[in-house]
Structures are given as C-alpha cells and as structure tokens.
Amino acid sequence: MPFNLPNLLTWLRIILIPLFVGIFYFEKSWVSVP
C-alpha cells in the first residue's frame, strides 16, 4: 500500500483521535480523584 499524503493523514487520524480521547478521559478521571 503506497503512503501518499491523504492515506497518511487518514491513518494518522485513525490513530490520534482515540489517543486524544483516551488522554482526555484519563485527565478527567485524574481531576475527579482528590
């Protein structure tokens, strides 16, 4: 599979969005714990 720019952006989005969502939820849970 060739790594052209739109393909790379798609894979980057697939990987980074769940990563940011996970970090956001972890920070939220850390803040709620005193």
C-alpha atoms as a PDB file:
ATOM      1  CA  MET A   1       0.000   0.000   0.000  1.00  0.00           C
ATOM      2  CA  PRO A   2       1.563   3.303  -1.080  1.00  0.00           C
ATOM      3  CA  PHE A   3       2.000   6.010   1.529  1.00  0.00           C
ATOM      4  CA  ASN A   4       0.639   9.102  -0.153  1.00  0.00           C
ATOM      5  CA  LEU A   5      -0.453  12.153   1.814  1.00  0.00           C
ATOM      6  CA  PRO A   6      -4.246  11.559   2.094  1.00  0.00           C
ATOM      7  CA  ASN A   7      -3.637   7.928   3.099  1.00  0.00           C
ATOM      8  CA  LEU A   8      -1.114   9.014   5.732  1.00  0.00           C
ATOM      9  CA  LEU A   9      -3.495  11.652   7.111  1.00  0.00           C
ATOM     10  CA  THR A  10      -6.283   9.081   7.309  1.00  0.00           C
ATOM     11  CA  TRP A  11      -4.136   6.624   9.288  1.00  0.00           C
ATOM     12  CA  LEU A  12      -2.856   9.458  11.485  1.00  0.00           C
ATOM     13  CA  ARG A  13      -6.433  10.497  12.218  1.00  0.00           C
ATOM     14  CA  ILE A  14      -7.497   6.899  12.978  1.00  0.00           C
ATOM     15  CA  ILE A  15      -4.616   6.568  15.451  1.00  0.00           C
ATOM     16  CA  LEU A  16      -4.590  10.050  17.008  1.00  0.00           C
ATOM     17  CA  ILE A  17      -8.303  10.649  17.621  1.00  0.00           C
ATOM     18  CA  PRO A  18      -8.786   7.662  20.002  1.00  0.00           C
ATOM     19  CA  LEU A  19      -5.450   8.574  21.610  1.00  0.00           C
ATOM     20  CA  PHE A  20      -6.597  12.147  22.336  1.00  0.00           C
ATOM     21  CA  VAL A  21     -10.000  10.911  23.523  1.00  0.00           C
ATOM     22  CA  GLY A  22      -8.284   8.455  25.875  1.00  0.00           C
ATOM     23  CA  ILE A  23      -5.946  11.153  27.221  1.00  0.00           C
ATOM     24  CA  PHE A  24      -8.916  13.496  27.699  1.00  0.00           C
ATOM     25  CA  TYR A  25     -10.867  10.875  29.676  1.00  0.00           C
ATOM     26  CA  PHE A  26      -7.808   9.922  31.754  1.00  0.00           C
ATOM     27  CA  GLU A  27      -7.176  13.570  32.688  1.00  0.00           C
ATOM     28  CA  LYS A  28     -10.853  13.972  33.551  1.00  0.00           C
ATOM     29  CA  SER A  29     -10.746  10.931  35.854  1.00  0.00           C
ATOM     30  CA  TRP A  30      -7.474  12.135  37.429  1.00  0.00           C
ATOM     31  CA  VAL A  31      -9.013  15.551  38.160  1.00  0.00           C
ATOM     32  CA  SER A  32     -12.106  13.988  39.767  1.00  0.00           C
ATOM     33  CA  VAL A  33      -9.923  11.947  42.160  1.00  0.00           C
ATOM     34  CA  PRO A  34      -8.621  14.154  45.025  1.00  0.00           C
END
